[in-house]
């Protein structure tokens, strides 16, 4: 007797949805600093100074938290950064 296939449903833990998530951009050897600044301005709407500040943090410290907030918008930002070929990750912010 064959077992009927059941669709796998993924549900997120409520604590994941309620948590604060950080979008982190990491340094890479490929993208020019001017390009990273441009992407930050396009994706996040940062003014030039803020975009440059984050770009320099990525360049000098290896990473920068460019946005924090709810998980769903964080995932959208992450996809947009990946579409621009930036190395970015999503991390749950530490709970205080």
C-alpha atoms as a PDB file:
ATOM      1  CA  UNK A   1       0.000   0.000   0.000  1.00  0.00           C
ATOM      2  CA  UNK A   2       1.475   3.337  -1.054  1.00  0.00           C
ATOM      3  CA  UNK A   3       1.573   6.205   1.352  1.00  0.00           C
ATOM      4  CA  UNK A   4       0.057   9.388  -0.045  1.00  0.00           C
ATOM      5  CA  UNK A   5       2.479  12.238  -0.459  1.00  0.00           C
ATOM      6  CA  UNK A   6       1.745  15.100   1.849  1.00  0.00           C
ATOM      7  CA  UNK A   7       2.970  18.582   1.076  1.00  0.00           C
ATOM      8  CA  UNK A   8       5.721  19.657   3.398  1.00  0.00           C
ATOM      9  CA  UNK A   9       4.785  22.851   5.125  1.00  0.00           C
ATOM     10  CA  UNK A  10       7.351  25.027   6.769  1.00  0.00           C
ATOM     11  CA  UNK A  11       6.234  27.152   9.625  1.00  0.00           C
ATOM     12  CA  UNK A  12       8.398  29.677  11.343  1.00  0.00           C
ATOM     13  CA  UNK A  13       8.689  29.731  15.056  1.00  0.00           C
ATOM     14  CA  UNK A  14       6.799  32.759  16.399  1.00  0.00           C
ATOM     15  CA  UNK A  15       9.949  33.901  18.200  1.00  0.00           C
ATOM     16  CA  UNK A  16      11.717  34.104  14.803  1.00  0.00           C
ATOM     17  CA  UNK A  17       8.981  36.370  13.486  1.00  0.00           C
ATOM     18  CA  UNK A  18       9.024  38.567  16.582  1.00  0.00           C
ATOM     19  CA  UNK A  19      12.814  38.856  16.725  1.00  0.00           C
ATOM     20  CA  UNK A  20      14.975  41.617  15.338  1.00  0.00           C
ATOM     21  CA  UNK A  21      17.085  40.547  12.364  1.00  0.00           C
ATOM     22  CA  UNK A  22      20.215  42.213  11.018  1.00  0.00           C
ATOM     23  CA  UNK A  23      21.237  42.421   7.375  1.00  0.00           C
ATOM     24  CA  UNK A  24      25.026  42.219   7.251  1.00  0.00           C
ATOM     25  CA  UNK A  25      27.172  42.996   4.217  1.00  0.00           C
ATOM     26  CA  UNK A  26      30.582  41.327   4.143  1.00  0.00           C
ATOM     27  CA  UNK A  27      33.759  42.417   2.418  1.00  0.00           C
ATOM     28  CA  UNK A  28      34.619  40.686  -0.833  1.00  0.00           C
ATOM     29  CA  UNK A  29      37.534  41.032  -3.232  1.00  0.00           C
ATOM     30  CA  UNK A  30      35.299  41.575  -6.267  1.00  0.00           C
ATOM     31  CA  UNK A  31      33.135  44.677  -5.907  1.00  0.00           C
ATOM     32  CA  UNK A  32      34.490  48.201  -6.144  1.00  0.00           C
ATOM     33  CA  UNK A  33      33.873  50.506  -3.194  1.00  0.00           C
ATOM     34  CA  UNK A  34      32.016  52.938  -5.440  1.00  0.00           C
ATOM     35  CA  UNK A  35      29.704  50.129  -6.589  1.00  0.00           C
ATOM     36  CA  UNK A  36      28.957  49.046  -3.007  1.00  0.00           C
ATOM     37  CA  UNK A  37      28.119  52.664  -2.142  1.00  0.00           C
ATOM     38  CA  UNK A  38      25.791  52.861  -5.145  1.00  0.00           C
ATOM     39  CA  UNK A  39      24.013  49.636  -4.152  1.00  0.00           C
ATOM     40  CA  UNK A  40      23.475  50.904  -0.596  1.00  0.00           C
ATOM     41  CA  UNK A  41      21.945  54.091  -1.978  1.00  0.00           C
ATOM     42  CA  UNK A  42      19.662  52.181  -4.367  1.00  0.00           C
ATOM     43  CA  UNK A  43      18.546  49.397  -2.044  1.00  0.00           C
ATOM     44  CA  UNK A  44      18.213  51.304   1.228  1.00  0.00           C
ATOM     45  CA  UNK A  45      17.806  54.860  -0.027  1.00  0.00           C
ATOM     46  CA  UNK A  46      20.807  55.970   2.037  1.00  0.00           C
ATOM     47  CA  UNK A  47      22.217  59.443   1.446  1.00  0.00           C
ATOM     48  CA  UNK A  48      25.738  59.374   0.003  1.00  0.00           C
ATOM     49  CA  UNK A  49      27.435  59.992   3.372  1.00  0.00           C
ATOM     50  CA  UNK A  50      25.659  57.129   5.124  1.00  0.00           C
ATOM     51  CA  UNK A  51      26.252  54.764   2.197  1.00  0.00           C
ATOM     52  CA  UNK A  52      29.955  55.663   2.190  1.00  0.00           C
ATOM     53  CA  UNK A  53      30.175  55.186   5.961  1.00  0.00           C
ATOM     54  CA  UNK A  54      28.754  51.649   5.676  1.00  0.00           C
ATOM     55  CA  UNK A  55      30.935  50.872   2.661  1.00  0.00           C
ATOM     56  CA  UNK A  56      34.062  51.932   4.600  1.00  0.00           C
ATOM     57  CA  UNK A  57      32.990  49.822   7.566  1.00  0.00           C
ATOM     58  CA  UNK A  58      32.664  46.818   5.238  1.00  0.00           C
ATOM     59  CA  UNK A  59      36.058  47.586   3.706  1.00  0.00           C
ATOM     60  CA  UNK A  60      37.933  48.257   6.954  1.00  0.00           C
ATOM     61  CA  UNK A  61      36.204  45.918   9.412  1.00  0.00           C
ATOM     62  CA  UNK A  62      35.084  43.181   7.034  1.00  0.00           C
ATOM     63  CA  UNK A  63      31.360  43.659   7.627  1.00  0.00           C
ATOM     64  CA  UNK A  64      28.658  46.190   8.377  1.00  0.00           C
ATOM     65  CA  UNK A  65      25.141  45.873   9.760  1.00  0.00           C
ATOM     66  CA  UNK A  66      23.263  47.887   7.166  1.00  0.00           C
ATOM     67  CA  UNK A  67      19.711  47.297   8.392  1.00  0.00           C
ATOM     68  CA  UNK A  68      17.875  45.798  11.386  1.00  0.00           C
ATOM     69  CA  UNK A  69      14.212  45.022  11.853  1.00  0.00           C
ATOM     70  CA  UNK A  70      11.535  42.424  11.169  1.00  0.00           C
ATOM     71  CA  UNK A  71      12.486  39.208   9.374  1.00  0.00           C
ATOM     72  CA  UNK A  72      10.371  39.567   6.227  1.00  0.00           C
ATOM     73  CA  UNK A  73      11.726  42.968   5.110  1.00  0.00           C
ATOM     74  CA  UNK A  74      15.218  41.788   6.100  1.00  0.00           C
ATOM     75  CA  UNK A  75      14.830  38.840   3.708  1.00  0.00           C
ATOM     76  CA  UNK A  76      13.740  41.193   0.931  1.00  0.00           C
ATOM     77  CA  UNK A  77      16.787  43.402   1.487  1.00  0.00           C
ATOM     78  CA  UNK A  78      19.004  40.324   1.515  1.00  0.00           C
ATOM     79  CA  UNK A  79      17.593  39.182  -1.842  1.00  0.00           C
ATOM     80  CA  UNK A  80      18.131  42.649  -3.320  1.00  0.00           C
ATOM     81  CA  UNK A  81      21.750  42.720  -2.146  1.00  0.00           C
ATOM     82  CA  UNK A  82      22.326  39.256  -3.605  1.00  0.00           C
ATOM     83  CA  UNK A  83      20.761  40.398  -6.886  1.00  0.00           C
ATOM     84  CA  UNK A  84      23.437  43.128  -6.955  1.00  0.00           C
ATOM     85  CA  UNK A  85      26.056  40.412  -6.281  1.00  0.00           C
ATOM     86  CA  UNK A  86      27.013  41.613  -2.811  1.00  0.00           C
ATOM     87  CA  UNK A  87      27.999  39.108  -0.137  1.00  0.00           C
ATOM     88  CA  UNK A  88      25.366  39.515   2.565  1.00  0.00           C
ATOM     89  CA  UNK A  89      23.856  37.455   5.361  1.00  0.00           C
ATOM     90  CA  UNK A  90      20.959  37.601   7.763  1.00  0.00           C
ATOM     91  CA  UNK A  91      21.491  37.159  11.509  1.00  0.00           C
ATOM     92  CA  UNK A  92      19.130  37.198  14.444  1.00  0.00           C
ATOM     93  CA  UNK A  93      20.082  40.124  16.654  1.00  0.00           C
ATOM     94  CA  UNK A  94      21.036  39.188  20.213  1.00  0.00           C
ATOM     95  CA  UNK A  95      18.225  39.429  22.731  1.00  0.00           C
ATOM     96  CA  UNK A  96      18.870  41.720  25.691  1.00  0.00           C
END
